[in-house]
Amino acid sequence: MKALLLGLGLFAAAASQAPAQKAQETPSALQADPKGWVDLLADTSLKGWSRVPLGSVGQLPAGKADDPSPWKIDPSGPMVICDGDKSGHEMLRYTREFADFELHAEWRFTKLEGEKPYNSGVFVRTSADGTTWFQAQTGPAGGYLFGVAVVNGKPGRVNLSKAMVENRVKPAGEWNTYEIRADGRTITLWVNGAVVNEYKECEVPRGYIGLEAEGYRIEFRNLKVRTLREGL
């Protein structure tokens, strides 16, 4: 999805340059407290997940509802696999909305020959049709938050790539762990042992969790969510 924002003139909440210091390492939320998490892949038929077409990015065609699904599940994991050869641009969206929560997600790209951009992401606080969204970017450029949502009370764009404290993403073929915490107006991204991004001005109070298909084969496992307060 990052290619969608290239060339756009206005980005909200982006720092002018990345801080020089390294991120302070902390345990994952799942490791620190394994209680209360819900496994989003408990049903290995992908019941509770829906495909949502998204707009085109560069030369990548927009997904269509009747396209062959790029998504399948390996029940031995369980693990969700996005087949890059089949995918247009779409989101696999979980059926339930969440307000304040923590999301644990592990992912890896299938390594290809040569230098590849590798692109996908994890959506949070996203609208049902995918027109407004926040995403934790996955790829060699690092993990950071960006999106298209409400900024200062009207539609706007957010890009925190330059505010990323440290690029902690591992090379294609290796597993990465993301944890996204949405608590009120603050969305925090933890990558492989440390928080690298924090957005404190989120005006979207709730939305959907999703995974992105964007032309590269990617696997997701250990998709777990925990609400921070009852009823959310």
C-alpha atoms as a PDB file:
ATOM      1  CA  MET A   1       0.000   0.000   0.000  1.00  0.00           C
ATOM      2  CA  LYS A   2       2.945   2.380   0.479  1.00  0.00           C
ATOM      3  CA  ALA A   3       3.115   3.016  -3.309  1.00  0.00           C
ATOM      4  CA  LEU A   4      -0.385   4.509  -3.102  1.00  0.00           C
ATOM      5  CA  LEU A   5       0.965   7.435  -1.097  1.00  0.00           C
ATOM      6  CA  LEU A   6       4.051   8.252  -3.187  1.00  0.00           C
ATOM      7  CA  GLY A   7       3.802  11.637  -4.832  1.00  0.00           C
ATOM      8  CA  LEU A   8       1.015  12.904  -2.561  1.00  0.00           C
ATOM      9  CA  GLY A   9       1.842  16.309  -1.230  1.00  0.00           C
ATOM     10  CA  LEU A  10       0.426  16.286   2.284  1.00  0.00           C
ATOM     11  CA  PHE A  11       1.222  13.796   4.999  1.00  0.00           C
ATOM     12  CA  ALA A  12       0.070  14.301   8.562  1.00  0.00           C
ATOM     13  CA  ALA A  13       2.070  13.470  11.664  1.00  0.00           C
ATOM     14  CA  ALA A  14       5.332  12.597   9.884  1.00  0.00           C
ATOM     15  CA  ALA A  15       8.565  13.534  11.595  1.00  0.00           C
ATOM     16  CA  SER A  16      11.216  15.318   9.531  1.00  0.00           C
ATOM     17  CA  GLN A  17      13.780  12.600  10.102  1.00  0.00           C
ATOM     18  CA  ALA A  18      14.158   9.295  11.908  1.00  0.00           C
ATOM     19  CA  PRO A  19      15.627   9.462  15.418  1.00  0.00           C
ATOM     20  CA  ALA A  20      19.234   8.294  15.601  1.00  0.00           C
ATOM     21  CA  GLN A  21      18.897   6.186  18.744  1.00  0.00           C
ATOM     22  CA  LYS A  22      17.904   2.531  18.724  1.00  0.00           C
ATOM     23  CA  ALA A  23      14.557   1.431  20.067  1.00  0.00           C
ATOM     24  CA  GLN A  24      14.411   0.154  23.619  1.00  0.00           C
ATOM     25  CA  GLU A  25      13.663  -3.567  23.651  1.00  0.00           C
ATOM     26  CA  THR A  26      10.657  -4.864  25.556  1.00  0.00           C
ATOM     27  CA  PRO A  27       8.856  -8.228  25.687  1.00  0.00           C
ATOM     28  CA  SER A  28       5.821  -8.680  23.491  1.00  0.00           C
ATOM     29  CA  ALA A  29       2.413  -8.159  25.088  1.00  0.00           C
ATOM     30  CA  LEU A  30       1.567 -11.790  24.337  1.00  0.00           C
ATOM     31  CA  GLN A  31       4.719 -12.978  26.059  1.00  0.00           C
ATOM     32  CA  ALA A  32       4.281 -10.649  29.030  1.00  0.00           C
ATOM     33  CA  ASP A  33       0.678 -11.709  29.655  1.00  0.00           C
ATOM     34  CA  PRO A  34      -0.698 -14.667  27.630  1.00  0.00           C
ATOM     35  CA  LYS A  35      -4.176 -14.437  29.193  1.00  0.00           C
ATOM     36  CA  GLY A  36      -7.260 -13.083  27.448  1.00  0.00           C
ATOM     37  CA  TRP A  37      -6.146 -13.401  23.831  1.00  0.00           C
ATOM     38  CA  VAL A  38      -8.556 -14.615  21.116  1.00  0.00           C
ATOM     39  CA  ASP A  39      -7.146 -16.727  18.275  1.00  0.00           C
ATOM     40  CA  LEU A  40      -8.423 -15.272  14.981  1.00  0.00           C
ATOM     41  CA  LEU A  41      -7.446 -18.480  13.146  1.00  0.00           C
ATOM     42  CA  ALA A  42      -9.203 -20.873  15.499  1.00  0.00           C
ATOM     43  CA  ASP A  43     -11.620 -21.756  12.668  1.00  0.00           C
ATOM     44  CA  THR A  44      -9.351 -23.118   9.928  1.00  0.00           C
ATOM     45  CA  SER A  45     -12.066 -22.679   7.278  1.00  0.00           C
ATOM     46  CA  LEU A  46     -11.470 -18.884   7.438  1.00  0.00           C
ATOM     47  CA  LYS A  47     -15.031 -18.456   8.638  1.00  0.00           C
ATOM     48  CA  GLY A  48     -15.406 -14.932   9.914  1.00  0.00           C
ATOM     49  CA  TRP A  49     -13.080 -13.448   7.279  1.00  0.00           C
ATOM     50  CA  SER A  50     -14.188 -11.597   4.114  1.00  0.00           C
ATOM     51  CA  ARG A  51     -12.405 -10.358   0.994  1.00  0.00           C
ATOM     52  CA  VAL A  52     -12.596  -6.607   0.347  1.00  0.00           C
ATOM     53  CA  PRO A  53     -11.375  -5.193  -3.002  1.00  0.00           C
ATOM     54  CA  LEU A  54      -9.050  -2.189  -2.718  1.00  0.00           C
ATOM     55  CA  GLY A  55      -7.992   0.468  -5.203  1.00  0.00           C
ATOM     56  CA  SER A  56      -5.136  -0.065  -7.653  1.00  0.00           C
ATOM     57  CA  VAL A  57      -1.520   0.653  -6.754  1.00  0.00           C
ATOM     58  CA  GLY A  58       0.806   1.455  -9.639  1.00  0.00           C
ATOM     59  CA  GLN A  59       0.424  -1.393 -12.127  1.00  0.00           C
ATOM     60  CA  LEU A  60      -1.270  -3.690  -9.639  1.00  0.00           C
ATOM     61  CA  PRO A  61      -4.941  -4.221 -10.591  1.00  0.00           C
ATOM     62  CA  ALA A  62      -7.626  -3.536  -8.069  1.00  0.00           C
ATOM     63  CA  GLY A  63      -9.030  -6.672  -6.517  1.00  0.00           C
ATOM     64  CA  LYS A  64     -12.491  -7.830  -7.576  1.00  0.00           C
ATOM     65  CA  ALA A  65     -14.944  -9.844  -5.548  1.00  0.00           C
ATOM     66  CA  ASP A  66     -15.166 -12.557  -8.224  1.00  0.00           C
ATOM     67  CA  ASP A  67     -11.382 -12.930  -8.702  1.00  0.00           C
ATOM     68  CA  PRO A  68      -9.855 -16.258  -7.645  1.00  0.00           C
ATOM     69  CA  SER A  69      -9.045 -15.927  -3.980  1.00  0.00           C
ATOM     70  CA  PRO A  70      -5.347 -15.517  -3.184  1.00  0.00           C
ATOM     71  CA  TRP A  71      -6.033 -16.608   0.400  1.00  0.00           C
ATOM     72  CA  LYS A  72      -5.798 -20.106   1.778  1.00  0.00           C
ATOM     73  CA  ILE A  73      -5.109 -21.614   5.155  1.00  0.00           C
ATOM     74  CA  ASP A  74      -2.609 -24.243   6.196  1.00  0.00           C
ATOM     75  CA  PRO A  75      -4.408 -25.894   9.124  1.00  0.00           C
ATOM     76  CA  SER A  76      -1.237 -27.495  10.442  1.00  0.00           C
ATOM     77  CA  GLY A  77      -0.061 -24.069  11.628  1.00  0.00           C
ATOM     78  CA  PRO A  78      -2.642 -22.739  11.445  1.00  0.00           C
ATOM     79  CA  MET A  79      -1.328 -20.192   8.972  1.00  0.00           C
ATOM     80  CA  VAL A  80      -2.971 -17.876   6.432  1.00  0.00           C
ATOM     81  CA  ILE A  81      -1.154 -17.800   3.099  1.00  0.00           C
ATOM     82  CA  CYS A  82      -1.588 -15.109   0.469  1.00  0.00           C
ATOM     83  CA  ASP A  83      -0.569 -16.379  -2.954  1.00  0.00           C
ATOM     84  CA  GLY A  84       1.123 -13.433  -4.649  1.00  0.00           C
ATOM     85  CA  ASP A  85       0.699 -14.892  -8.139  1.00  0.00           C
ATOM     86  CA  LYS A  86      -3.091 -14.733  -7.826  1.00  0.00           C
ATOM     87  CA  SER A  87      -3.566 -11.509  -5.945  1.00  0.00           C
ATOM     88  CA  GLY A  88      -4.793  -8.216  -7.172  1.00  0.00           C
ATOM     89  CA  HIS A  89      -5.062  -5.625  -4.450  1.00  0.00           C
ATOM     90  CA  GLU A  90      -7.407  -6.594  -1.648  1.00  0.00           C
ATOM     91  CA  MET A  91      -7.884  -6.972   2.085  1.00  0.00           C
ATOM     92  CA  LEU A  92      -8.827 -10.078   4.021  1.00  0.00           C
ATOM     93  CA  ARG A  93     -11.005  -8.520   6.727  1.00  0.00           C
ATOM     94  CA  TYR A  94     -12.024 -10.025  10.033  1.00  0.00           C
ATOM     95  CA  THR A  95     -15.765  -9.840  10.610  1.00  0.00           C
ATOM     96  CA  ARG A  96     -15.768  -8.005  13.941  1.00  0.00           C
ATOM     97  CA  GLU A  97     -14.980  -4.372  14.665  1.00  0.00           C
ATOM     98  CA  PHE A  98     -12.643  -3.494  17.524  1.00  0.00           C
ATOM     99  CA  ALA A  99     -12.150  -0.248  19.420  1.00  0.00           C
ATOM    100  CA  ASP A 100      -9.312  -0.526  21.970  1.00  0.00           C
ATOM    101  CA  PHE A 101      -7.238  -3.676  21.602  1.00  0.00           C
ATOM    102  CA  GLU A 102      -3.852  -5.338  21.144  1.00  0.00           C
ATOM    103  CA  LEU A 103      -3.160  -7.386  18.009  1.00  0.00           C
ATOM    104  CA  HIS A 104      -0.353  -9.937  17.725  1.00  0.00           C
ATOM    105  CA  ALA A 105       0.636 -11.016  14.192  1.00  0.00           C
ATOM    106  CA  GLU A 106       3.602 -12.979  12.850  1.00  0.00           C
ATOM    107  CA  TRP A 107       4.452 -12.848   9.141  1.00  0.00           C
ATOM    108  CA  ARG A 108       7.078 -13.661   6.542  1.00  0.00           C
ATOM    109  CA  PHE A 109       7.473 -13.186   2.798  1.00  0.00           C
ATOM    110  CA  THR A 110       8.509 -16.017   0.498  1.00  0.00           C
ATOM    111  CA  LYS A 111      12.015 -15.087  -0.646  1.00  0.00           C
ATOM    112  CA  LEU A 112      12.418 -14.377  -4.363  1.00  0.00           C
ATOM    113  CA  GLU A 113      15.526 -14.061  -6.526  1.00  0.00           C
ATOM    114  CA  GLY A 114      16.994 -10.570  -6.705  1.00  0.00           C
ATOM    115  CA  GLU A 115      16.086  -7.419  -4.812  1.00  0.00           C
ATOM    116  CA  LYS A 116      12.332  -7.159  -4.449  1.00  0.00           C
ATOM    117  CA  PRO A 117      10.212  -4.480  -2.754  1.00  0.00           C
ATOM    118  CA  TYR A 118       7.950  -7.073  -1.045  1.00  0.00           C
ATOM    119  CA  ASN A 119       4.746  -5.366  -0.005  1.00  0.00           C
ATOM    120  CA  SER A 120       1.830  -6.151   2.279  1.00  0.00           C
ATOM    121  CA  GLY A 121       0.473  -4.915   5.573  1.00  0.00           C
ATOM    122  CA  VAL A 122      -1.725  -5.375   8.607  1.00  0.00           C
ATOM    123  CA  PHE A 123      -4.828  -3.173   8.799  1.00  0.00           C
ATOM    124  CA  VAL A 124      -6.451  -1.814  11.975  1.00  0.00           C
ATOM    125  CA  ARG A 125      -9.304   0.630  12.627  1.00  0.00           C
ATOM    126  CA  THR A 126     -10.314   0.242   9.000  1.00  0.00           C
ATOM    127  CA  SER A 127     -13.766   0.919   7.511  1.00  0.00           C
ATOM    128  CA  ALA A 128     -15.865  -1.988   6.250  1.00  0.00           C
ATOM    129  CA  ASP A 129     -15.247  -1.042   2.600  1.00  0.00           C
ATOM    130  CA  GLY A 130     -11.552  -0.249   3.047  1.00  0.00           C
ATOM    131  CA  THR A 131     -11.863   3.405   2.006  1.00  0.00           C
ATOM    132  CA  THR A 132     -10.420   4.630   5.297  1.00  0.00           C
ATOM    133  CA  TRP A 133      -7.703   2.661   7.016  1.00  0.00           C
ATOM    134  CA  PHE A 134      -4.606   2.483   9.171  1.00  0.00           C
ATOM    135  CA  GLN A 135      -1.889   0.013   8.315  1.00  0.00           C
ATOM    136  CA  ALA A 136       1.322  -1.383   9.754  1.00  0.00           C
ATOM    137  CA  GLN A 137       3.538  -1.631   6.679  1.00  0.00           C
ATOM    138  CA  THR A 138       5.469  -4.848   6.082  1.00  0.00           C
ATOM    139  CA  GLY A 139       8.516  -4.917   3.832  1.00  0.00           C
ATOM    140  CA  PRO A 140      12.251  -4.239   3.657  1.00  0.00           C
ATOM    141  CA  ALA A 141      11.823  -0.489   4.260  1.00  0.00           C
ATOM    142  CA  GLY A 142      10.718  -1.301   7.800  1.00  0.00           C
ATOM    143  CA  GLY A 143       7.600  -1.409   9.920  1.00  0.00           C
ATOM    144  CA  TYR A 144       5.711   1.857  10.298  1.00  0.00           C
ATOM    145  CA  LEU A 145       2.157   3.181  10.527  1.00  0.00           C
ATOM    146  CA  PHE A 146       0.360   5.044   7.772  1.00  0.00           C
ATOM    147  CA  GLY A 147      -3.151   5.448   6.476  1.00  0.00           C
ATOM    148  CA  VAL A 148      -6.029   7.358   4.959  1.00  0.00           C
ATOM    149  CA  ALA A 149      -8.531   8.454   7.569  1.00  0.00           C
ATOM    150  CA  VAL A 150      -9.819  11.483   9.442  1.00  0.00           C
ATOM    151  CA  VAL A 151      -7.156  14.091  10.201  1.00  0.00           C
ATOM    152  CA  ASN A 152      -8.138  17.315  11.964  1.00  0.00           C
ATOM    153  CA  GLY A 153     -11.782  16.508  11.443  1.00  0.00           C
ATOM    154  CA  LYS A 154     -11.678  15.842   7.688  1.00  0.00           C
ATOM    155  CA  PRO A 155     -10.311  13.195   5.286  1.00  0.00           C
ATOM    156  CA  GLY A 156      -6.524  13.204   5.313  1.00  0.00           C
ATOM    157  CA  ARG A 157      -3.386  11.095   5.167  1.00  0.00           C
ATOM    158  CA  VAL A 158      -1.000   9.865   7.826  1.00  0.00           C
ATOM    159  CA  ASN A 159       2.520   8.589   7.159  1.00  0.00           C
ATOM    160  CA  LEU A 160       4.954   7.851   9.989  1.00  0.00           C
ATOM    161  CA  SER A 161       7.719   6.289   7.890  1.00  0.00           C
ATOM    162  CA  LYS A 162      10.154   9.084   8.773  1.00  0.00           C
ATOM    163  CA  ALA A 163       9.257   8.796  12.455  1.00  0.00           C
ATOM    164  CA  MET A 164      10.223   5.105  12.570  1.00  0.00           C
ATOM    165  CA  VAL A 165      12.750   4.804  15.412  1.00  0.00           C
ATOM    166  CA  GLU A 166      14.525   1.819  13.877  1.00  0.00           C
ATOM    167  CA  ASN A 167      14.063  -0.617  10.976  1.00  0.00           C
ATOM    168  CA  ARG A 168      13.711  -3.950  12.801  1.00  0.00           C
ATOM    169  CA  VAL A 169      12.157  -5.947   9.944  1.00  0.00           C
ATOM    170  CA  LYS A 170      14.018  -9.166   9.096  1.00  0.00           C
ATOM    171  CA  PRO A 171      14.865 -10.224   5.522  1.00  0.00           C
ATOM    172  CA  ALA A 172      12.377 -12.076   3.316  1.00  0.00           C
ATOM    173  CA  GLY A 173      12.124 -15.718   4.338  1.00  0.00           C
ATOM    174  CA  GLU A 174      12.379 -14.969   8.070  1.00  0.00           C
ATOM    175  CA  TRP A 175       9.504 -14.594  10.514  1.00  0.00           C
ATOM    176  CA  ASN A 176       8.666 -11.158  11.909  1.00  0.00           C
ATOM    177  CA  THR A 177       6.431 -10.321  14.854  1.00  0.00           C
ATOM    178  CA  TYR A 178       4.224  -7.242  14.978  1.00  0.00           C
ATOM    179  CA  GLU A 179       2.062  -6.065  17.835  1.00  0.00           C
ATOM    180  CA  ILE A 180      -0.325  -3.185  17.272  1.00  0.00           C
ATOM    181  CA  ARG A 181      -1.969  -1.520  20.253  1.00  0.00           C
ATOM    182  CA  ALA A 182      -4.925   0.818  19.707  1.00  0.00           C
ATOM    183  CA  ASP A 183      -5.904   2.649  22.876  1.00  0.00           C
ATOM    184  CA  GLY A 184      -8.102   5.705  22.488  1.00  0.00           C
ATOM    185  CA  ARG A 185      -6.375   8.135  20.122  1.00  0.00           C
ATOM    186  CA  THR A 186      -3.023   6.313  20.281  1.00  0.00           C
ATOM    187  CA  ILE A 187      -1.893   3.533  17.940  1.00  0.00           C
ATOM    188  CA  THR A 188       1.469   1.920  18.731  1.00  0.00           C
ATOM    189  CA  LEU A 189       3.504  -0.465  16.574  1.00  0.00           C
ATOM    190  CA  TRP A 190       5.913  -2.921  18.203  1.00  0.00           C
ATOM    191  CA  VAL A 191       8.268  -4.782  15.807  1.00  0.00           C
ATOM    192  CA  ASN A 192      10.488  -7.714  16.740  1.00  0.00           C
ATOM    193  CA  GLY A 193      11.153  -6.612  20.287  1.00  0.00           C
ATOM    194  CA  ALA A 194      10.639  -2.865  20.421  1.00  0.00           C
ATOM    195  CA  VAL A 195       8.172  -0.058  19.743  1.00  0.00           C
ATOM    196  CA  VAL A 196       9.163   1.725  16.529  1.00  0.00           C
ATOM    197  CA  ASN A 197       6.140   3.959  15.824  1.00  0.00           C
ATOM    198  CA  GLU A 198       3.409   5.728  17.746  1.00  0.00           C
ATOM    199  CA  TYR A 199       0.532   7.798  16.384  1.00  0.00           C
ATOM    200  CA  LYS A 200      -1.236   9.853  19.052  1.00  0.00           C
ATOM    201  CA  GLU A 201      -3.888  11.661  17.022  1.00  0.00           C
ATOM    202  CA  CYS A 202      -6.148   8.897  15.726  1.00  0.00           C
ATOM    203  CA  GLU A 203      -9.671  10.278  15.260  1.00  0.00           C
ATOM    204  CA  VAL A 204     -11.177   6.923  14.247  1.00  0.00           C
ATOM    205  CA  PRO A 205     -12.513   5.259  17.428  1.00  0.00           C
ATOM    206  CA  ARG A 206     -13.045   1.740  16.074  1.00  0.00           C
ATOM    207  CA  GLY A 207     -12.768  -0.381  12.922  1.00  0.00           C
ATOM    208  CA  TYR A 208     -11.783  -3.685  11.369  1.00  0.00           C
ATOM    209  CA  ILE A 209      -8.607  -5.751  11.429  1.00  0.00           C
ATOM    210  CA  GLY A 210      -7.338  -7.014   8.072  1.00  0.00           C
ATOM    211  CA  LEU A 211      -4.459  -8.458   6.052  1.00  0.00           C
ATOM    212  CA  GLU A 212      -3.303  -7.080   2.719  1.00  0.00           C
ATOM    213  CA  ALA A 213      -2.737  -8.855  -0.606  1.00  0.00           C
ATOM    214  CA  GLU A 214      -0.450  -6.768  -2.804  1.00  0.00           C
ATOM    215  CA  GLY A 215       1.267  -9.059  -5.279  1.00  0.00           C
ATOM    216  CA  TYR A 216       3.734 -10.944  -3.063  1.00  0.00           C
ATOM    217  CA  ARG A 217       3.401 -14.304  -1.348  1.00  0.00           C
ATOM    218  CA  ILE A 218       3.189 -13.763   2.396  1.00  0.00           C
ATOM    219  CA  GLU A 219       2.292 -16.007   5.323  1.00  0.00           C
ATOM    220  CA  PHE A 220       0.617 -14.974   8.587  1.00  0.00           C
ATOM    221  CA  ARG A 221       0.435 -17.013  11.786  1.00  0.00           C
ATOM    222  CA  ASN A 222      -0.401 -16.504  15.485  1.00  0.00           C
ATOM    223  CA  LEU A 223      -3.042 -13.876  14.734  1.00  0.00           C
ATOM    224  CA  LYS A 224      -4.384 -13.065  18.165  1.00  0.00           C
ATOM    225  CA  VAL A 225      -6.313 -10.133  19.588  1.00  0.00           C
ATOM    226  CA  ARG A 226      -7.088  -8.974  23.105  1.00  0.00           C
ATOM    227  CA  THR A 227      -9.527  -6.200  23.940  1.00  0.00           C
ATOM    228  CA  LEU A 228      -8.301  -3.678  26.488  1.00  0.00           C
ATOM    229  CA  ARG A 229     -11.725  -3.124  28.046  1.00  0.00           C
ATOM    230  CA  GLU A 230     -14.878  -5.213  28.162  1.00  0.00           C
ATOM    231  CA  GLY A 231     -17.328  -4.590  25.337  1.00  0.00           C
ATOM    232  CA  LEU A 232     -14.642  -3.320  22.981  1.00  0.00           C
END
